[in-house]
Amino acid sequence: MAVEFGDHASGFRHNEVVRFINNEVLMNGGGPEFYMAFRSRPWNEVEDRLRSVVVDPQVPRALKRACTWSALALGVRVVARLREQQGRRVRRLQDQVEEREATCWALASELQRLREERDEVVTQLLFTRSALQQAVNESDMLRGRLFQVEGVAQVAPPAHDIVPSLRANQPGPAVWPQNADHILILFLCGAEDRTQHPTHARRARYRLSHIPSPNTTILKVYLLS
């Protein structure tokens, strides 16, 4: 018997077909030798061996027919083996595709997370830059004020040298210091301040009534209630 019954690797599903092939091999004087010798070999070797049998004039025609039936069975076996190999290859490729897809999803999630972190960092940097610019502007403004105060402090003499001794009820003109032609102090009050502080108002009118010289430096002093 060339083909064994129940051999799933043979590629045959029906026992009737296997029985017919075995009968044809046996009826033509063949046996299981050809089938067993090439059952695990590729088809090109099977075909080469069958060709050598077919072209040999010394081989009887019946034996050639037996070898041909065995080669037919081997061909089905080769196809079944290739189909199984192809199925394993397809399953392996499917597993690889699934792994690649899982990796792609993981990379996509990681990329999305990195983008969100980048956006958050950019927002924080913009906020920090805005706060820094505001701090720089405030620093420049305070520095300008400091320079103004330092300039006024350098120009103005001590208070005891520029403030005249005035009393509200003292008659006659006020006594000015020697450098009165260089410094003139203006006491400025609001409308409400003139009513609440008449003494300050009289002093302000007195100061404004004094016409400064061209070299006089005017210092404005704001009296707040």
C-alpha atoms as a PDB file:
ATOM      1  CA  MET A   1       0.000   0.000   0.000  1.00  0.00           C
ATOM      2  CA  ALA A   2       1.473   3.328  -1.112  1.00  0.00           C
ATOM      3  CA  VAL A   3      -0.821   5.804   0.683  1.00  0.00           C
ATOM      4  CA  GLU A   4      -1.798   5.049   4.261  1.00  0.00           C
ATOM      5  CA  PHE A   5      -5.420   5.465   5.359  1.00  0.00           C
ATOM      6  CA  GLY A   6      -6.008   8.196   7.920  1.00  0.00           C
ATOM      7  CA  ASP A   7      -2.737   9.979   7.134  1.00  0.00           C
ATOM      8  CA  HIS A   8      -3.742  13.650   7.307  1.00  0.00           C
ATOM      9  CA  ALA A   9      -0.390  14.700   5.881  1.00  0.00           C
ATOM     10  CA  SER A  10      -1.202  12.838   2.647  1.00  0.00           C
ATOM     11  CA  GLY A  11      -3.604  15.568   1.591  1.00  0.00           C
ATOM     12  CA  PHE A  12      -6.478  13.150   0.861  1.00  0.00           C
ATOM     13  CA  ARG A  13      -9.730  13.422   2.784  1.00  0.00           C
ATOM     14  CA  HIS A  14     -11.590  10.393   1.418  1.00  0.00           C
ATOM     15  CA  ASN A  15     -10.578   6.793   1.943  1.00  0.00           C
ATOM     16  CA  GLU A  16     -12.188   5.748  -1.349  1.00  0.00           C
ATOM     17  CA  VAL A  17      -9.702   7.886  -3.271  1.00  0.00           C
ATOM     18  CA  VAL A  18      -6.760   6.469  -1.302  1.00  0.00           C
ATOM     19  CA  ARG A  19      -7.982   2.913  -1.921  1.00  0.00           C
ATOM     20  CA  PHE A  20      -8.305   3.496  -5.681  1.00  0.00           C
ATOM     21  CA  ILE A  21      -4.777   4.948  -5.942  1.00  0.00           C
ATOM     22  CA  ASN A  22      -3.299   2.048  -3.978  1.00  0.00           C
ATOM     23  CA  ASN A  23      -5.114  -0.476  -6.190  1.00  0.00           C
ATOM     24  CA  GLU A  24      -3.802   1.195  -9.352  1.00  0.00           C
ATOM     25  CA  VAL A  25      -0.251   1.093  -8.022  1.00  0.00           C
ATOM     26  CA  LEU A  26      -0.535  -2.574  -7.042  1.00  0.00           C
ATOM     27  CA  MET A  27      -2.315  -3.607 -10.282  1.00  0.00           C
ATOM     28  CA  ASN A  28       0.515  -2.100 -12.363  1.00  0.00           C
ATOM     29  CA  GLY A  29       3.208  -3.975 -10.501  1.00  0.00           C
ATOM     30  CA  GLY A  30       4.290  -1.148  -8.220  1.00  0.00           C
ATOM     31  CA  GLY A  31       4.581  -0.872  -4.481  1.00  0.00           C
ATOM     32  CA  PRO A  32       5.108   1.659  -1.706  1.00  0.00           C
ATOM     33  CA  GLU A  33       8.838   2.093  -2.533  1.00  0.00           C
ATOM     34  CA  PHE A  34       8.487   5.152  -4.807  1.00  0.00           C
ATOM     35  CA  TYR A  35       5.994   6.867  -2.495  1.00  0.00           C
ATOM     36  CA  MET A  36       7.972   6.174   0.684  1.00  0.00           C
ATOM     37  CA  ALA A  37      11.273   7.285  -0.886  1.00  0.00           C
ATOM     38  CA  PHE A  38       9.971  10.733  -1.855  1.00  0.00           C
ATOM     39  CA  ARG A  39       7.228  11.433   0.715  1.00  0.00           C
ATOM     40  CA  SER A  40       9.280  14.180   2.390  1.00  0.00           C
ATOM     41  CA  ARG A  41      11.035  15.550  -0.675  1.00  0.00           C
ATOM     42  CA  PRO A  42      10.081  18.638  -2.696  1.00  0.00           C
ATOM     43  CA  TRP A  43       8.091  18.280  -5.858  1.00  0.00           C
ATOM     44  CA  ASN A  44      10.942  19.059  -8.236  1.00  0.00           C
ATOM     45  CA  GLU A  45      12.841  15.955  -6.997  1.00  0.00           C
ATOM     46  CA  VAL A  46       9.695  13.843  -7.333  1.00  0.00           C
ATOM     47  CA  GLU A  47       9.184  15.047 -10.889  1.00  0.00           C
ATOM     48  CA  ASP A  48      12.829  14.477 -11.792  1.00  0.00           C
ATOM     49  CA  ARG A  49      12.622  10.878 -10.534  1.00  0.00           C
ATOM     50  CA  LEU A  50       9.362  10.268 -12.401  1.00  0.00           C
ATOM     51  CA  ARG A  51      10.894  11.618 -15.607  1.00  0.00           C
ATOM     52  CA  SER A  52      13.840   9.252 -15.318  1.00  0.00           C
ATOM     53  CA  VAL A  53      11.390   6.351 -14.992  1.00  0.00           C
ATOM     54  CA  VAL A  54       9.169   7.494 -17.855  1.00  0.00           C
ATOM     55  CA  VAL A  55      11.998   8.028 -20.363  1.00  0.00           C
ATOM     56  CA  ASP A  56      13.714   4.760 -19.522  1.00  0.00           C
ATOM     57  CA  PRO A  57      12.795   2.279 -22.287  1.00  0.00           C
ATOM     58  CA  GLN A  58      13.725  -0.677 -20.150  1.00  0.00           C
ATOM     59  CA  VAL A  59      11.046   0.106 -17.545  1.00  0.00           C
ATOM     60  CA  PRO A  60       7.752  -1.673 -18.355  1.00  0.00           C
ATOM     61  CA  ARG A  61       4.796   0.534 -19.172  1.00  0.00           C
ATOM     62  CA  ALA A  62       2.756  -0.881 -16.288  1.00  0.00           C
ATOM     63  CA  LEU A  63       5.469   0.100 -13.829  1.00  0.00           C
ATOM     64  CA  LYS A  64       5.585   3.536 -15.345  1.00  0.00           C
ATOM     65  CA  ARG A  65       1.879   3.814 -14.675  1.00  0.00           C
ATOM     66  CA  ALA A  66       2.382   2.669 -11.070  1.00  0.00           C
ATOM     67  CA  CYS A  67       5.102   5.293 -10.540  1.00  0.00           C
ATOM     68  CA  THR A  68       2.852   7.926 -12.080  1.00  0.00           C
ATOM     69  CA  TRP A  69       0.051   7.103  -9.615  1.00  0.00           C
ATOM     70  CA  SER A  70       2.534   7.280  -6.746  1.00  0.00           C
ATOM     71  CA  ALA A  71       3.838  10.631  -8.073  1.00  0.00           C
ATOM     72  CA  LEU A  72       0.222  11.871  -8.218  1.00  0.00           C
ATOM     73  CA  ALA A  73      -0.248  10.952  -4.561  1.00  0.00           C
ATOM     74  CA  LEU A  74       3.065  12.612  -3.708  1.00  0.00           C
ATOM     75  CA  GLY A  75       1.974  15.744  -5.552  1.00  0.00           C
ATOM     76  CA  VAL A  76      -1.153  15.944  -3.364  1.00  0.00           C
ATOM     77  CA  ARG A  77       1.035  15.411  -0.317  1.00  0.00           C
ATOM     78  CA  VAL A  78       3.370  18.245  -1.374  1.00  0.00           C
ATOM     79  CA  VAL A  79       0.416  20.567  -1.875  1.00  0.00           C
ATOM     80  CA  ALA A  80      -0.932  19.716   1.577  1.00  0.00           C
ATOM     81  CA  ARG A  81       2.486  20.333   3.092  1.00  0.00           C
ATOM     82  CA  LEU A  82       2.800  23.681   1.312  1.00  0.00           C
ATOM     83  CA  ARG A  83      -0.716  24.631   2.401  1.00  0.00           C
ATOM     84  CA  GLU A  84       0.166  23.877   6.029  1.00  0.00           C
ATOM     85  CA  GLN A  85       3.397  25.833   5.773  1.00  0.00           C
ATOM     86  CA  GLN A  86       1.566  28.718   4.183  1.00  0.00           C
ATOM     87  CA  GLY A  87      -1.035  28.662   6.964  1.00  0.00           C
ATOM     88  CA  ARG A  88       1.694  28.797   9.611  1.00  0.00           C
ATOM     89  CA  ARG A  89       3.358  31.656   7.767  1.00  0.00           C
ATOM     90  CA  VAL A  90       0.080  33.553   7.515  1.00  0.00           C
ATOM     91  CA  ARG A  91      -0.600  33.084  11.224  1.00  0.00           C
ATOM     92  CA  ARG A  92       2.911  34.273  12.040  1.00  0.00           C
ATOM     93  CA  LEU A  93       2.444  37.325   9.854  1.00  0.00           C
ATOM     94  CA  GLN A  94      -0.894  38.046  11.501  1.00  0.00           C
ATOM     95  CA  ASP A  95       0.750  37.873  14.920  1.00  0.00           C
ATOM     96  CA  GLN A  96       3.442  40.261  13.730  1.00  0.00           C
ATOM     97  CA  VAL A  97       0.822  42.628  12.343  1.00  0.00           C
ATOM     98  CA  GLU A  98      -1.042  42.593  15.644  1.00  0.00           C
ATOM     99  CA  GLU A  99       2.193  43.300  17.494  1.00  0.00           C
ATOM    100  CA  ARG A 100       2.974  46.189  15.138  1.00  0.00           C
ATOM    101  CA  GLU A 101      -0.514  47.592  15.597  1.00  0.00           C
ATOM    102  CA  ALA A 102      -0.205  47.396  19.377  1.00  0.00           C
ATOM    103  CA  THR A 103       3.178  49.122  19.158  1.00  0.00           C
ATOM    104  CA  CYS A 104       1.732  51.807  16.889  1.00  0.00           C
ATOM    105  CA  TRP A 105      -1.140  52.462  19.306  1.00  0.00           C
ATOM    106  CA  ALA A 106       1.315  52.693  22.203  1.00  0.00           C
ATOM    107  CA  LEU A 107       3.533  55.090  20.243  1.00  0.00           C
ATOM    108  CA  ALA A 108       0.499  57.169  19.246  1.00  0.00           C
ATOM    109  CA  SER A 109      -0.586  57.431  22.885  1.00  0.00           C
ATOM    110  CA  GLU A 110       2.925  58.384  23.943  1.00  0.00           C
ATOM    111  CA  LEU A 111       3.106  60.969  21.168  1.00  0.00           C
ATOM    112  CA  GLN A 112      -0.210  62.468  22.251  1.00  0.00           C
ATOM    113  CA  ARG A 113       1.034  62.652  25.842  1.00  0.00           C
ATOM    114  CA  LEU A 114       4.257  64.349  24.745  1.00  0.00           C
ATOM    115  CA  ARG A 115       2.272  66.858  22.680  1.00  0.00           C
ATOM    116  CA  GLU A 116       0.088  67.710  25.669  1.00  0.00           C
ATOM    117  CA  GLU A 117       3.172  68.139  27.851  1.00  0.00           C
ATOM    118  CA  ARG A 118       4.744  70.342  25.188  1.00  0.00           C
ATOM    119  CA  ASP A 119       1.635  72.536  24.989  1.00  0.00           C
ATOM    120  CA  GLU A 120       1.588  72.840  28.768  1.00  0.00           C
ATOM    121  CA  VAL A 121       5.267  73.798  28.850  1.00  0.00           C
ATOM    122  CA  VAL A 122       4.749  76.365  26.081  1.00  0.00           C
ATOM    123  CA  THR A 123       1.837  77.879  28.011  1.00  0.00           C
ATOM    124  CA  GLN A 124       3.938  78.085  31.174  1.00  0.00           C
ATOM    125  CA  LEU A 125       6.807  79.677  29.257  1.00  0.00           C
ATOM    126  CA  LEU A 126       4.491  82.284  27.750  1.00  0.00           C
ATOM    127  CA  PHE A 127       3.046  83.069  31.178  1.00  0.00           C
ATOM    128  CA  THR A 128       6.535  83.303  32.685  1.00  0.00           C
ATOM    129  CA  ARG A 129       7.727  85.567  29.880  1.00  0.00           C
ATOM    130  CA  SER A 130       4.717  87.845  30.336  1.00  0.00           C
ATOM    131  CA  ALA A 131       5.323  88.005  34.093  1.00  0.00           C
ATOM    132  CA  LEU A 132       9.017  88.692  33.519  1.00  0.00           C
ATOM    133  CA  GLN A 133       8.247  91.475  31.028  1.00  0.00           C
ATOM    134  CA  GLN A 134       5.845  93.037  33.524  1.00  0.00           C
ATOM    135  CA  ALA A 135       8.493  92.847  36.246  1.00  0.00           C
ATOM    136  CA  VAL A 136      11.051  94.468  33.921  1.00  0.00           C
ATOM    137  CA  ASN A 137       8.604  97.276  33.099  1.00  0.00           C
ATOM    138  CA  GLU A 138       7.888  97.882  36.784  1.00  0.00           C
ATOM    139  CA  SER A 139      11.621  97.850  37.530  1.00  0.00           C
ATOM    140  CA  ASP A 140      12.253 100.424  34.800  1.00  0.00           C
ATOM    141  CA  MET A 141       9.464 102.628  36.132  1.00  0.00           C
ATOM    142  CA  LEU A 142      10.782 102.423  39.704  1.00  0.00           C
ATOM    143  CA  ARG A 143      14.310 103.139  38.492  1.00  0.00           C
ATOM    144  CA  GLY A 144      13.042 106.222  36.663  1.00  0.00           C
ATOM    145  CA  ARG A 145      11.289 107.445  39.786  1.00  0.00           C
ATOM    146  CA  LEU A 146      14.450 106.822  41.800  1.00  0.00           C
ATOM    147  CA  PHE A 147      16.493 108.887  39.361  1.00  0.00           C
ATOM    148  CA  GLN A 148      13.949 111.723  39.613  1.00  0.00           C
ATOM    149  CA  VAL A 149      14.071 111.651  43.414  1.00  0.00           C
ATOM    150  CA  GLU A 150      17.869 111.598  43.395  1.00  0.00           C
ATOM    151  CA  GLY A 151      17.943 114.562  40.966  1.00  0.00           C
ATOM    152  CA  VAL A 152      15.591 116.606  43.133  1.00  0.00           C
ATOM    153  CA  ALA A 153      17.602 115.726  46.239  1.00  0.00           C
ATOM    154  CA  GLN A 154      20.805 116.936  44.568  1.00  0.00           C
ATOM    155  CA  VAL A 155      19.242 120.275  43.459  1.00  0.00           C
ATOM    156  CA  ALA A 156      17.299 121.131  46.649  1.00  0.00           C
ATOM    157  CA  PRO A 157      19.288 122.625  49.606  1.00  0.00           C
ATOM    158  CA  PRO A 158      18.520 121.660  53.207  1.00  0.00           C
ATOM    159  CA  ALA A 159      15.053 122.615  54.435  1.00  0.00           C
ATOM    160  CA  HIS A 160      16.332 125.000  57.105  1.00  0.00           C
ATOM    161  CA  ASP A 161      18.026 127.100  54.381  1.00  0.00           C
ATOM    162  CA  ILE A 162      15.012 127.531  52.060  1.00  0.00           C
ATOM    163  CA  VAL A 163      11.971 127.708  54.319  1.00  0.00           C
ATOM    164  CA  PRO A 164      11.454 131.314  55.519  1.00  0.00           C
ATOM    165  CA  SER A 165      10.249 132.133  59.018  1.00  0.00           C
ATOM    166  CA  LEU A 166       6.670 133.125  58.415  1.00  0.00           C
ATOM    167  CA  ARG A 167       3.859 133.478  60.855  1.00  0.00           C
ATOM    168  CA  ALA A 168       0.254 133.958  59.859  1.00  0.00           C
ATOM    169  CA  ASN A 169      -0.148 137.148  61.875  1.00  0.00           C
ATOM    170  CA  GLN A 170       3.305 138.659  61.140  1.00  0.00           C
ATOM    171  CA  PRO A 171       2.958 142.021  59.305  1.00  0.00           C
ATOM    172  CA  GLY A 172       5.283 143.141  56.576  1.00  0.00           C
ATOM    173  CA  PRO A 173       7.142 141.232  53.900  1.00  0.00           C
ATOM    174  CA  ALA A 174       8.570 137.789  54.564  1.00  0.00           C
ATOM    175  CA  VAL A 175      12.256 137.264  55.287  1.00  0.00           C
ATOM    176  CA  TRP A 176      13.810 135.124  52.504  1.00  0.00           C
ATOM    177  CA  PRO A 177      17.166 133.371  52.737  1.00  0.00           C
ATOM    178  CA  GLN A 178      20.152 134.605  50.796  1.00  0.00           C
ATOM    179  CA  ASN A 179      19.651 132.139  47.912  1.00  0.00           C
ATOM    180  CA  ALA A 180      15.973 133.099  47.385  1.00  0.00           C
ATOM    181  CA  ASP A 181      16.747 134.158  43.816  1.00  0.00           C
ATOM    182  CA  HIS A 182      17.645 130.567  43.030  1.00  0.00           C
ATOM    183  CA  ILE A 183      14.894 128.550  44.722  1.00  0.00           C
ATOM    184  CA  LEU A 184      11.173 129.290  44.940  1.00  0.00           C
ATOM    185  CA  ILE A 185       8.838 126.907  46.761  1.00  0.00           C
ATOM    186  CA  LEU A 186       5.201 126.774  45.667  1.00  0.00           C
ATOM    187  CA  PHE A 187       2.672 125.404  48.154  1.00  0.00           C
ATOM    188  CA  LEU A 188      -0.182 124.144  46.038  1.00  0.00           C
ATOM    189  CA  CYS A 189      -3.508 123.138  47.566  1.00  0.00           C
ATOM    190  CA  GLY A 190      -6.792 121.933  46.102  1.00  0.00           C
ATOM    191  CA  ALA A 191      -9.988 123.914  46.380  1.00  0.00           C
ATOM    192  CA  GLU A 192     -11.034 121.976  49.418  1.00  0.00           C
ATOM    193  CA  ASP A 193      -7.602 122.446  50.985  1.00  0.00           C
ATOM    194  CA  ARG A 194      -7.873 126.273  50.786  1.00  0.00           C
ATOM    195  CA  THR A 195     -11.036 126.209  52.867  1.00  0.00           C
ATOM    196  CA  GLN A 196      -9.712 123.746  55.387  1.00  0.00           C
ATOM    197  CA  HIS A 197      -6.193 125.190  55.660  1.00  0.00           C
ATOM    198  CA  PRO A 198      -6.371 129.035  55.281  1.00  0.00           C
ATOM    199  CA  THR A 199      -2.826 129.440  56.569  1.00  0.00           C
ATOM    200  CA  HIS A 200      -1.509 127.261  53.753  1.00  0.00           C
ATOM    201  CA  ALA A 201      -3.591 129.230  51.263  1.00  0.00           C
ATOM    202  CA  ARG A 202      -2.138 132.579  52.427  1.00  0.00           C
ATOM    203  CA  ARG A 203       1.357 131.186  52.188  1.00  0.00           C
ATOM    204  CA  ALA A 204       0.639 129.898  48.683  1.00  0.00           C
ATOM    205  CA  ARG A 205      -0.660 133.319  47.588  1.00  0.00           C
ATOM    206  CA  TYR A 206       2.382 134.930  49.124  1.00  0.00           C
ATOM    207  CA  ARG A 207       4.709 132.624  47.235  1.00  0.00           C
ATOM    208  CA  LEU A 208       2.889 133.136  43.954  1.00  0.00           C
ATOM    209  CA  SER A 209       2.968 136.903  44.428  1.00  0.00           C
ATOM    210  CA  HIS A 210       6.737 136.754  44.496  1.00  0.00           C
ATOM    211  CA  ILE A 211       8.036 137.018  40.927  1.00  0.00           C
ATOM    212  CA  PRO A 212      11.059 134.717  40.557  1.00  0.00           C
ATOM    213  CA  SER A 213      14.182 135.718  38.740  1.00  0.00           C
ATOM    214  CA  PRO A 214      15.286 133.903  35.571  1.00  0.00           C
ATOM    215  CA  ASN A 215      17.744 131.778  37.596  1.00  0.00           C
ATOM    216  CA  THR A 216      15.129 130.720  40.140  1.00  0.00           C
ATOM    217  CA  THR A 217      14.470 127.012  40.596  1.00  0.00           C
ATOM    218  CA  ILE A 218      10.816 126.325  41.400  1.00  0.00           C
ATOM    219  CA  LEU A 219      10.016 123.480  43.775  1.00  0.00           C
ATOM    220  CA  LYS A 220       6.383 122.517  44.003  1.00  0.00           C
ATOM    221  CA  VAL A 221       5.211 121.160  47.355  1.00  0.00           C
ATOM    222  CA  TYR A 222       1.730 119.615  47.346  1.00  0.00           C
ATOM    223  CA  LEU A 223      -0.139 119.992  50.619  1.00  0.00           C
ATOM    224  CA  LEU A 224      -2.553 117.129  51.130  1.00  0.00           C
ATOM    225  CA  SER A 225      -5.260 117.061  53.778  1.00  0.00           C
END
